[in-house]
Amino acid sequence: MAMTTKEQVLLRTEQVERVQPLNRDLLEPTNHQTVRPSPHPIMFLNCGQLLPPLLRHADVPARITESFILSGYRFPNYSLAQCLLSAFRPTNETGNFWTHFLPVFIFAFYFLEPFCLEGAPPTGDPFFYPLWNYFMGVLCLLMASSMAHLLNSMSLVIREVCFFVDYGTISAYTVGSSLAYYYYIHPRAGILELRIGRHNNTHQDPSSSSSSLSSAMPEFSVFFETLYIPSSCLVAIICVLACCNTRQRWRTYRYIIRTLVFLLPFLVASTPIFYRLLHSCPYLPTSSSFSSSSSMTQFFCRHCFWLVVSALFNISKIPERLSPGRFDIWGHSHQWFHVCTFLSILDELHMINGEVRAILLHPVLVVPPATPPHLPGPTLASTYGVMLVLQASIASIIAWFSWCANSIYKPQGDQLEKEFLTKRHLKCH
């Protein structure tokens, strides 16, 4: 028996209400009524909008929810264009994107400072190889982080891949820092630590300076010469493996594990700085190089301070822990985590720039020096080559975890999208 139009409308309304109760006052306003917005507008989908309305934590897969963040979620079925447009829309990922995207330009501005110094070698000179590798490490970190937060709503699998890449670039950044520390702060790699006439205002012989350094730090000699860069690379790979694993297991303690895991590469990479802090500055106190290099302690302490603060934000989930739902869009802990990590990177850049400036102000110490140093200066193989091998290793790890994620989350994602589209179709009619 054919159904009348009125019966069809009633049947459709009943089907929609099974998904979510509707406010009948909104469906049939009287002459004395005005249409009022729903108290929970993000629960409804406006099919005419370019971007779907945002959802609450109960309306998205548990996989993508964050602790104490109750609203502002995007369902993981956005297109690439929708993800890009969402950068200009207040979601719970908008702040995460901008707090690492805008710093790219700030970092690039200060990074160019050493190239403008008087007497600086050309930008392509081997002297700047370590600095360019450091720049690439930071650039990849900031871009991968911002893009991961922007594009992770395309699917559950893409979400996993985005953050695998994010962890990989963090590890690559630590090796980029190690290369800069090794060649600009480590006293014997490419640059001789020349004691300039402390007593008789004459230059010491470079070879005698090098030998005196060997006797001054025998316990560090082997580590610096043969193990420092390989250790940094090995620790970086371990960090990628551990952090990628936290997305598939150890979920309860994932933030603590990720934070503590990256403490290890910091300790290894900072070894040359610890050595410099425990020994006197290699420059004459009255020289311009001494003035430039003396700021290293200040910038390193600030670098450490911001890292500690960022770790506290990442682990504690303050302020959203104190008031769930209030900081869903702006001001939650991950945004502050991003801000503090960038401030730590900026102070690290100022520290490295200060050491580069100190070297350039002392003509005897410009690479390559007149007398070959104990350790060779930067080369394509020892800088770009190291980063290339590391990136290839990290890429293979990411590919493996991405394959695992695809086998786990692809079926789940397809089923969730079917359920989501069914609800959307009913709400559109």
Protein backbone atom coordinates (compact mmCIF):
# COMPACT_ATOMS: atom_id res chain seq x y z
CA MET A 1 0.00 0.00 0.00
CA ALA A 2 1.45 3.37 -1.03
CA MET A 3 2.24 5.85 1.73
CA THR A 4 0.91 9.37 1.66
CA THR A 5 3.29 12.31 1.68
CA LYS A 6 2.41 13.10 5.28
CA GLU A 7 3.16 9.53 6.37
CA GLN A 8 6.50 9.64 4.56
CA VAL A 9 7.45 12.86 6.38
CA LEU A 10 6.50 11.37 9.77
CA LEU A 11 8.51 8.22 9.04
CA ARG A 12 11.57 10.28 8.07
CA THR A 13 11.28 12.35 11.25
CA GLU A 14 11.14 9.20 13.38
CA GLN A 15 14.28 7.86 11.66
CA VAL A 16 16.18 11.07 12.35
CA GLU A 17 15.11 11.07 16.00
CA ARG A 18 16.59 7.62 16.44
CA VAL A 19 19.95 9.19 15.62
CA GLN A 20 19.39 12.29 17.73
CA PRO A 21 16.25 13.82 19.25
CA LEU A 22 15.12 16.91 17.38
CA ASN A 23 13.70 20.09 18.80
CA ARG A 24 10.24 20.22 17.26
CA ASP A 25 10.00 23.92 18.08
CA LEU A 26 12.73 24.41 15.51
CA LEU A 27 10.95 22.29 12.89
CA GLU A 28 7.56 23.99 13.12
CA PRO A 29 7.84 27.54 14.47
CA THR A 30 4.54 29.30 15.06
CA ASN A 31 3.71 32.88 14.19
CA HIS A 32 4.68 33.90 17.72
CA GLN A 33 7.93 31.91 17.70
CA THR A 34 11.35 32.67 16.32
CA VAL A 35 13.74 29.94 15.35
CA ARG A 36 16.27 29.54 18.12
CA PRO A 37 19.65 27.85 17.66
CA SER A 38 20.11 24.48 19.27
CA PRO A 39 21.88 24.58 22.65
CA HIS A 40 24.41 22.20 21.08
CA PRO A 41 24.80 23.46 17.50
CA ILE A 42 27.92 21.44 16.83
CA MET A 43 25.84 18.26 17.13
CA PHE A 44 24.02 19.12 13.87
CA LEU A 45 25.44 18.95 10.39
CA ASN A 46 24.59 21.73 7.97
CA CYS A 47 24.97 20.01 4.62
CA GLY A 48 25.17 23.31 2.79
CA GLN A 49 28.31 24.41 4.60
CA LEU A 50 31.73 24.09 2.99
CA LEU A 51 33.11 22.74 6.26
CA PRO A 52 31.12 20.38 8.50
CA PRO A 53 30.25 21.68 11.96
CA LEU A 54 32.60 20.76 14.76
CA LEU A 55 31.81 17.90 17.08
CA ARG A 56 32.02 17.05 20.74
CA HIS A 57 34.30 14.36 22.13
CA ALA A 58 31.40 11.87 22.35
CA ASP A 59 30.69 12.22 18.61
CA VAL A 60 34.13 11.30 17.27
CA PRO A 61 36.19 8.10 17.52
CA ALA A 62 37.86 7.72 20.89
CA ARG A 63 41.14 7.40 19.03
CA ILE A 64 41.24 11.10 18.19
CA THR A 65 40.05 12.56 21.50
CA GLU A 66 42.43 14.37 23.83
CA SER A 67 42.28 14.43 27.61
CA PHE A 68 40.06 17.21 29.01
CA ILE A 69 39.29 18.61 25.52
CA LEU A 70 35.52 18.30 25.12
CA SER A 71 34.67 20.10 21.88
CA GLY A 72 36.05 21.55 18.66
CA TYR A 73 36.77 18.18 17.03
CA ARG A 74 36.80 17.45 13.30
CA PHE A 75 35.54 14.07 12.15
CA PRO A 76 38.39 12.16 10.42
CA ASN A 77 36.94 12.27 6.90
CA TYR A 78 37.97 15.76 5.78
CA SER A 79 39.35 16.33 2.31
CA LEU A 80 42.73 18.01 1.85
CA ALA A 81 41.02 21.29 0.91
CA GLN A 82 38.81 21.17 3.99
CA CYS A 83 41.82 20.53 6.21
CA LEU A 84 43.62 23.54 4.75
CA LEU A 85 40.56 25.74 5.17
CA SER A 86 40.20 24.64 8.79
CA ALA A 87 43.41 26.55 9.58
CA PHE A 88 41.26 29.70 9.48
CA ARG A 89 38.48 28.24 11.59
CA PRO A 90 38.57 27.93 15.40
CA THR A 91 38.96 24.21 16.11
CA ASN A 92 40.91 22.52 18.89
CA GLU A 93 43.80 22.10 16.40
CA THR A 94 43.88 25.64 15.00
CA GLY A 95 46.15 26.98 17.74
CA ASN A 96 48.40 23.94 17.47
CA PHE A 97 48.90 24.70 13.79
CA TRP A 98 49.65 28.41 14.07
CA THR A 99 51.94 28.12 17.12
CA HIS A 100 54.42 26.15 15.02
CA PHE A 101 53.71 27.58 11.55
CA LEU A 102 54.27 31.26 12.30
CA PRO A 103 57.56 30.56 14.14
CA VAL A 104 59.01 29.30 10.84
CA PHE A 105 59.28 32.90 9.64
CA ILE A 106 60.64 34.17 12.97
CA PHE A 107 63.30 31.47 12.99
CA ALA A 108 64.27 32.16 9.35
CA PHE A 109 64.71 35.86 10.14
CA TYR A 110 67.20 35.27 12.97
CA PHE A 111 68.89 32.40 11.16
CA LEU A 112 70.17 34.76 8.43
CA GLU A 113 72.10 36.86 10.94
CA PRO A 114 75.53 35.11 10.64
CA PHE A 115 75.52 35.42 6.84
CA CYS A 116 75.36 39.21 7.15
CA LEU A 117 78.43 39.50 9.37
CA GLU A 118 81.45 41.29 7.98
CA GLY A 119 84.03 38.84 6.71
CA ALA A 120 81.61 35.91 6.66
CA PRO A 121 82.30 33.23 4.03
CA PRO A 122 79.80 32.72 1.19
CA THR A 123 76.58 30.98 2.16
CA GLY A 124 77.67 27.81 0.37
CA ASP A 125 81.06 27.64 2.11
CA PRO A 126 81.80 24.42 4.05
CA PHE A 127 81.99 26.55 7.18
CA PHE A 128 78.20 26.93 7.06
CA TYR A 129 77.36 23.30 6.28
CA PRO A 130 76.53 22.47 9.92
CA LEU A 131 74.41 25.61 10.22
CA TRP A 132 72.38 24.73 7.13
CA ASN A 133 71.81 21.23 8.48
CA TYR A 134 70.59 22.72 11.74
CA PHE A 135 68.26 25.00 9.78
CA MET A 136 66.82 22.08 7.85
CA GLY A 137 66.27 20.15 11.09
CA VAL A 138 64.35 23.01 12.70
CA LEU A 139 62.41 23.82 9.52
CA CYS A 140 61.29 20.20 9.11
CA LEU A 141 60.31 20.01 12.77
CA LEU A 142 58.13 23.13 12.70
CA MET A 143 56.53 22.35 9.34
CA ALA A 144 55.88 18.68 10.15
CA SER A 145 54.36 19.59 13.50
CA SER A 146 52.07 22.27 12.10
CA MET A 147 51.00 20.12 9.14
CA ALA A 148 50.36 17.11 11.39
CA HIS A 149 47.88 19.13 13.42
CA LEU A 150 46.27 20.57 10.31
CA LEU A 151 45.94 17.41 8.19
CA ASN A 152 45.31 14.72 10.80
CA SER A 153 41.53 14.78 10.26
CA MET A 154 41.72 13.27 6.75
CA SER A 155 41.48 9.72 8.13
CA LEU A 156 42.56 7.62 11.09
CA VAL A 157 45.48 6.21 9.09
CA ILE A 158 46.68 9.60 7.87
CA ARG A 159 46.42 10.87 11.44
CA GLU A 160 48.86 8.18 12.56
CA VAL A 161 51.24 8.85 9.66
CA CYS A 162 51.22 12.60 10.37
CA PHE A 163 52.40 12.11 13.92
CA PHE A 164 54.94 9.43 12.96
CA VAL A 165 56.50 12.03 10.66
CA ASP A 166 56.30 14.57 13.47
CA TYR A 167 58.32 12.32 15.80
CA GLY A 168 60.82 11.63 13.03
CA THR A 169 61.51 15.31 12.41
CA ILE A 170 62.02 15.94 16.13
CA SER A 171 64.74 13.29 16.14
CA ALA A 172 66.30 14.72 12.97
CA TYR A 173 66.34 18.14 14.62
CA THR A 174 68.35 16.79 17.56
CA VAL A 175 71.02 15.49 15.16
CA GLY A 176 71.05 18.84 13.34
CA SER A 177 71.71 20.48 16.70
CA SER A 178 74.49 17.98 17.39
CA LEU A 179 76.22 18.88 14.12
CA ALA A 180 76.08 22.59 14.96
CA TYR A 181 77.39 21.96 18.49
CA TYR A 182 80.14 19.69 17.19
CA TYR A 183 81.57 22.16 14.69
CA TYR A 184 80.91 25.50 16.40
CA ILE A 185 81.08 24.69 20.11
CA HIS A 186 83.20 21.53 20.38
CA PRO A 187 86.74 22.95 20.83
CA ARG A 188 88.60 20.64 18.46
CA ALA A 189 86.30 19.83 15.57
CA GLY A 190 87.28 21.94 12.58
CA ILE A 191 88.20 24.89 14.77
CA LEU A 192 91.29 24.98 16.96
CA GLU A 193 90.98 26.29 20.50
CA LEU A 194 93.86 28.74 20.40
CA ARG A 195 94.90 30.22 23.73
CA ILE A 196 95.71 33.80 22.72
CA GLY A 197 98.68 35.23 24.65
CA ARG A 198 97.23 34.97 28.14
CA HIS A 199 100.60 35.91 29.56
CA ASN A 200 102.73 37.33 26.77
CA ASN A 201 100.08 38.52 24.23
CA THR A 202 101.36 36.11 21.60
CA HIS A 203 99.62 33.31 19.76
CA GLN A 204 100.36 29.79 20.86
CA ASP A 205 101.37 27.27 18.28
CA PRO A 206 98.27 25.48 17.00
CA SER A 207 99.75 22.01 17.34
CA SER A 208 100.75 22.64 20.94
CA SER A 209 97.25 23.94 21.66
CA SER A 210 95.74 20.79 20.19
CA SER A 211 98.01 18.55 22.25
CA SER A 212 97.26 20.50 25.41
CA LEU A 213 93.59 19.96 24.78
CA SER A 214 94.13 16.23 24.41
CA SER A 215 95.72 16.10 27.84
CA ALA A 216 93.11 18.44 29.31
CA MET A 217 90.18 16.19 28.44
CA PRO A 218 91.39 12.61 27.99
CA GLU A 219 88.12 11.23 29.31
CA PHE A 220 86.18 12.99 26.52
CA SER A 221 88.68 12.69 23.69
CA VAL A 222 87.53 9.34 22.31
CA PHE A 223 83.86 10.19 22.72
CA PHE A 224 84.14 13.53 20.93
CA GLU A 225 86.32 12.24 18.11
CA THR A 226 84.55 8.99 17.24
CA LEU A 227 81.30 8.49 19.16
CA TYR A 228 79.53 11.84 19.54
CA ILE A 229 77.76 12.08 16.14
CA PRO A 230 77.07 8.31 15.85
CA SER A 231 75.63 8.36 19.38
CA SER A 232 73.35 11.26 18.49
CA CYS A 233 72.08 9.38 15.43
CA LEU A 234 71.53 6.14 17.34
CA VAL A 235 69.64 7.89 20.13
CA ALA A 236 67.52 9.73 17.55
CA ILE A 237 66.49 6.43 15.96
CA ILE A 238 65.64 4.94 19.36
CA CYS A 239 63.46 7.97 20.09
CA VAL A 240 61.52 7.53 16.84
CA LEU A 241 60.90 3.86 17.60
CA ALA A 242 59.75 4.57 21.15
CA CYS A 243 57.46 7.47 20.25
CA CYS A 244 55.85 5.65 17.32
CA ASN A 245 55.20 2.71 19.64
CA THR A 246 53.27 4.95 22.04
CA ARG A 247 50.60 5.39 19.38
CA GLN A 248 49.90 1.66 19.35
CA ARG A 249 50.75 0.61 22.89
CA TRP A 250 51.57 2.22 26.25
CA ARG A 251 48.72 4.65 25.55
CA THR A 252 48.07 5.43 29.20
CA TYR A 253 51.54 6.86 29.75
CA ARG A 254 52.19 8.13 26.24
CA TYR A 255 52.80 11.77 27.16
CA ILE A 256 55.24 10.90 29.94
CA ILE A 257 57.09 8.41 27.74
CA ARG A 258 57.40 10.82 24.81
CA THR A 259 58.66 13.59 27.06
CA LEU A 260 61.23 11.45 28.86
CA VAL A 261 62.38 9.76 25.65
CA PHE A 262 63.46 13.10 24.19
CA LEU A 263 65.45 13.89 27.34
CA LEU A 264 68.09 11.39 26.24
CA PRO A 265 69.02 13.06 22.90
CA PHE A 266 69.15 16.40 24.70
CA LEU A 267 71.73 15.07 27.15
CA VAL A 268 73.82 13.46 24.42
CA ALA A 269 73.67 16.42 22.04
CA SER A 270 74.53 18.92 24.78
CA THR A 271 77.78 17.20 25.76
CA PRO A 272 79.99 19.81 24.01
CA ILE A 273 78.13 22.58 25.82
CA PHE A 274 78.59 20.88 29.19
CA TYR A 275 82.30 20.64 28.44
CA ARG A 276 82.52 24.33 27.53
CA LEU A 277 80.63 25.33 30.66
CA LEU A 278 83.15 23.44 32.80
CA HIS A 279 86.18 25.04 31.14
CA SER A 280 87.36 28.55 30.47
CA CYS A 281 86.38 30.40 27.30
CA PRO A 282 88.96 29.89 24.51
CA TYR A 283 89.00 33.60 23.65
CA LEU A 284 90.96 36.46 25.15
CA PRO A 285 88.74 38.33 27.68
CA THR A 286 89.37 41.66 25.95
CA SER A 287 88.44 40.37 22.49
CA SER A 288 85.14 40.77 20.65
CA SER A 289 85.03 36.99 20.28
CA PHE A 290 84.99 36.60 24.06
CA SER A 291 82.06 39.01 24.36
CA SER A 292 80.10 37.11 21.73
CA SER A 293 80.89 33.67 23.14
CA SER A 294 80.23 34.63 26.77
CA SER A 295 76.49 34.78 26.10
CA MET A 296 76.46 31.01 25.52
CA THR A 297 75.76 30.23 29.18
CA GLN A 298 72.81 32.60 29.33
CA PHE A 299 71.18 31.28 26.16
CA PHE A 300 71.78 27.65 27.10
CA CYS A 301 70.16 28.14 30.51
CA ARG A 302 67.17 29.78 28.87
CA HIS A 303 67.05 26.96 26.33
CA CYS A 304 66.90 24.43 29.17
CA PHE A 305 64.30 26.47 31.07
CA TRP A 306 61.87 26.55 28.16
CA LEU A 307 62.36 22.83 27.57
CA VAL A 308 61.48 22.08 31.20
CA VAL A 309 58.40 24.32 31.06
CA SER A 310 57.25 22.71 27.81
CA ALA A 311 57.66 19.25 29.37
CA LEU A 312 55.55 20.30 32.35
CA PHE A 313 52.76 21.51 30.06
CA ASN A 314 52.89 18.32 28.00
CA ILE A 315 52.69 15.99 31.01
CA SER A 316 50.38 17.93 33.36
CA LYS A 317 47.73 18.94 30.77
CA ILE A 318 47.29 22.24 32.58
CA PRO A 319 45.20 24.42 32.23
CA GLU A 320 42.49 22.23 30.62
CA ARG A 321 42.81 19.69 33.43
CA LEU A 322 41.65 22.37 35.87
CA SER A 323 38.63 23.38 33.78
CA PRO A 324 37.66 20.79 31.14
CA GLY A 325 35.92 22.37 28.17
CA ARG A 326 37.03 25.93 28.85
CA PHE A 327 40.30 25.75 26.91
CA ASP A 328 39.13 23.54 24.05
CA ILE A 329 39.94 26.06 21.30
CA TRP A 330 42.51 28.48 22.70
CA GLY A 331 44.96 28.24 25.57
CA HIS A 332 45.19 24.50 26.15
CA SER A 333 48.45 22.84 27.18
CA HIS A 334 49.60 21.66 23.75
CA GLN A 335 49.56 25.20 22.42
CA TRP A 336 51.70 26.36 25.35
CA PHE A 337 53.91 23.32 24.75
CA HIS A 338 54.46 24.51 21.17
CA VAL A 339 55.21 28.07 22.27
CA CYS A 340 57.77 26.96 24.87
CA THR A 341 59.50 24.53 22.53
CA PHE A 342 59.90 27.25 19.93
CA LEU A 343 61.29 29.67 22.52
CA SER A 344 63.83 27.01 23.48
CA ILE A 345 64.80 26.60 19.81
CA LEU A 346 65.10 30.36 19.39
CA ASP A 347 67.47 30.63 22.37
CA GLU A 348 69.44 27.71 20.98
CA LEU A 349 69.75 29.54 17.66
CA HIS A 350 70.99 32.69 19.43
CA MET A 351 73.57 30.55 21.26
CA ILE A 352 74.82 28.96 18.01
CA ASN A 353 74.85 32.32 16.22
CA GLY A 354 76.92 33.75 19.05
CA GLU A 355 79.52 31.01 18.65
CA VAL A 356 79.60 31.46 14.87
CA ARG A 357 80.05 35.20 15.35
CA ALA A 358 82.87 34.60 17.84
CA ILE A 359 84.68 32.40 15.33
CA LEU A 360 84.25 34.88 12.49
CA LEU A 361 85.54 37.72 14.66
CA HIS A 362 88.74 35.75 15.26
CA PRO A 363 90.41 35.35 11.85
CA VAL A 364 92.74 32.57 13.01
CA LEU A 365 89.77 30.36 13.83
CA VAL A 366 87.91 30.62 10.54
CA VAL A 367 87.54 27.25 8.84
CA PRO A 368 89.69 26.06 7.20
CA PRO A 369 92.51 27.27 9.51
CA ALA A 370 96.06 27.73 8.35
CA THR A 371 97.16 24.67 10.31
CA PRO A 372 94.99 21.54 10.05
CA PRO A 373 93.10 20.97 13.29
CA HIS A 374 93.09 17.75 15.28
CA LEU A 375 89.71 16.89 13.77
CA PRO A 376 88.74 17.74 10.17
CA GLY A 377 86.35 20.55 9.41
CA PRO A 378 82.82 20.13 8.06
CA THR A 379 82.44 18.34 4.74
CA LEU A 380 79.48 17.28 2.62
CA ALA A 381 79.79 13.72 3.89
CA SER A 382 80.11 14.64 7.57
CA THR A 383 77.10 17.00 7.54
CA TYR A 384 74.64 16.50 4.69
CA GLY A 385 75.70 12.87 4.36
CA VAL A 386 74.98 12.16 8.02
CA MET A 387 71.56 13.79 7.81
CA LEU A 388 70.73 11.93 4.60
CA VAL A 389 71.52 8.52 6.12
CA LEU A 390 69.58 9.44 9.27
CA GLN A 391 66.55 10.61 7.30
CA ALA A 392 66.56 7.41 5.25
CA SER A 393 66.63 5.35 8.46
CA ILE A 394 63.80 7.37 9.99
CA ALA A 395 61.77 7.13 6.78
CA SER A 396 62.02 3.33 6.83
CA ILE A 397 60.81 3.28 10.46
CA ILE A 398 57.89 5.57 9.60
CA ALA A 399 57.01 3.39 6.60
CA TRP A 400 56.89 0.29 8.79
CA PHE A 401 54.68 1.86 11.45
CA SER A 402 52.47 3.39 8.77
CA TRP A 403 51.92 -0.04 7.21
CA CYS A 404 50.98 -1.41 10.63
CA ALA A 405 48.62 1.51 11.24
CA ASN A 406 46.97 0.99 7.87
CA SER A 407 46.26 -2.67 8.63
CA ILE A 408 44.82 -1.75 12.04
CA TYR A 409 42.89 1.46 11.43
CA LYS A 410 41.84 1.30 7.78
CA PRO A 411 38.95 -1.15 8.43
CA GLN A 412 37.93 0.81 11.52
CA GLY A 413 38.03 4.08 9.62
CA ASP A 414 35.91 2.74 6.76
CA GLN A 415 33.26 1.47 9.17
CA LEU A 416 33.20 4.75 11.13
CA GLU A 417 32.87 6.77 7.95
CA LYS A 418 29.92 4.65 6.78
CA GLU A 419 28.15 5.20 10.10
CA PHE A 420 28.94 8.90 9.98
CA LEU A 421 27.66 9.32 6.41
CA THR A 422 24.45 7.43 7.29
CA LYS A 423 23.76 9.82 10.16
CA ARG A 424 24.60 12.79 7.97
CA HIS A 425 22.22 11.62 5.23
CA LEU A 426 19.37 11.25 7.69
CA LYS A 427 20.02 14.68 9.21
CA CYS A 428 20.09 16.29 5.77
CA HIS A 429 16.57 15.05 5.09
